[in-house]
């Protein structure tokens, strides 16, 4: 019953992932390929963490 109002720990991480992906896209459009690849790598690592947490929840 009390778990009803408990927020998912991955919700915040998904929002951060979306922001990282948006930033990487903007950097790539502006010609900063190295910066874009660095941000994309951070986003990939965050995505792996999200997948691990969601697998542990189930």
Protein backbone atom coordinates (compact mmCIF):
# COMPACT_ATOMS: atom_id res chain seq x y z
CA UNK A 1 0.00 0.00 0.00
CA UNK A 2 2.76 2.44 0.89
CA UNK A 3 4.68 1.50 -2.25
CA UNK A 4 1.94 3.23 -4.23
CA UNK A 5 3.52 6.65 -3.73
CA UNK A 6 7.11 5.48 -4.02
CA UNK A 7 8.73 6.92 -7.11
CA UNK A 8 10.84 4.82 -9.41
CA UNK A 9 14.59 5.37 -8.92
CA UNK A 10 15.09 5.26 -12.67
CA UNK A 11 12.67 8.09 -13.43
CA UNK A 12 15.21 10.77 -12.58
CA UNK A 13 17.93 8.90 -14.43
CA UNK A 14 15.78 8.66 -17.57
CA UNK A 15 15.27 12.43 -17.53
CA UNK A 16 19.03 12.92 -17.18
CA UNK A 17 19.59 10.46 -20.06
CA UNK A 18 17.23 12.42 -22.28
CA UNK A 19 19.09 15.65 -21.47
CA UNK A 20 22.45 14.06 -22.26
CA UNK A 21 21.19 12.75 -25.59
CA UNK A 22 19.78 16.17 -26.48
CA UNK A 23 23.07 17.86 -25.57
CA UNK A 24 25.07 15.37 -27.64
CA UNK A 25 22.83 15.97 -30.65
CA UNK A 26 23.21 19.74 -30.36
CA UNK A 27 26.98 19.47 -30.03
CA UNK A 28 27.15 17.27 -33.12
CA UNK A 29 25.05 19.72 -35.12
CA UNK A 30 27.40 22.52 -34.08
CA UNK A 31 30.42 20.54 -35.30
CA UNK A 32 31.83 19.45 -31.93
CA UNK A 33 32.17 15.76 -32.77
CA UNK A 34 34.61 14.93 -29.96
CA UNK A 35 32.41 16.58 -27.35
CA UNK A 36 29.37 14.85 -28.78
CA UNK A 37 31.02 11.44 -28.59
CA UNK A 38 32.07 12.08 -24.98
CA UNK A 39 28.52 13.00 -23.98
CA UNK A 40 27.14 10.03 -25.93
CA UNK A 41 29.47 7.73 -24.01
CA UNK A 42 28.15 9.15 -20.71
CA UNK A 43 24.60 8.57 -21.94
CA UNK A 44 25.43 4.95 -22.85
CA UNK A 45 26.85 4.32 -19.38
CA UNK A 46 23.78 5.83 -17.77
CA UNK A 47 21.53 3.68 -19.98
CA UNK A 48 23.35 0.55 -18.80
CA UNK A 49 22.82 1.59 -15.17
CA UNK A 50 19.11 2.13 -15.83
CA UNK A 51 18.80 -1.30 -17.42
CA UNK A 52 20.58 -2.94 -14.48
CA UNK A 53 18.32 -1.22 -11.95
CA UNK A 54 15.17 -2.14 -13.83
CA UNK A 55 16.30 -5.75 -14.11
CA UNK A 56 16.96 -5.84 -10.36
CA UNK A 57 13.46 -4.46 -9.63
CA UNK A 58 11.78 -7.32 -11.43
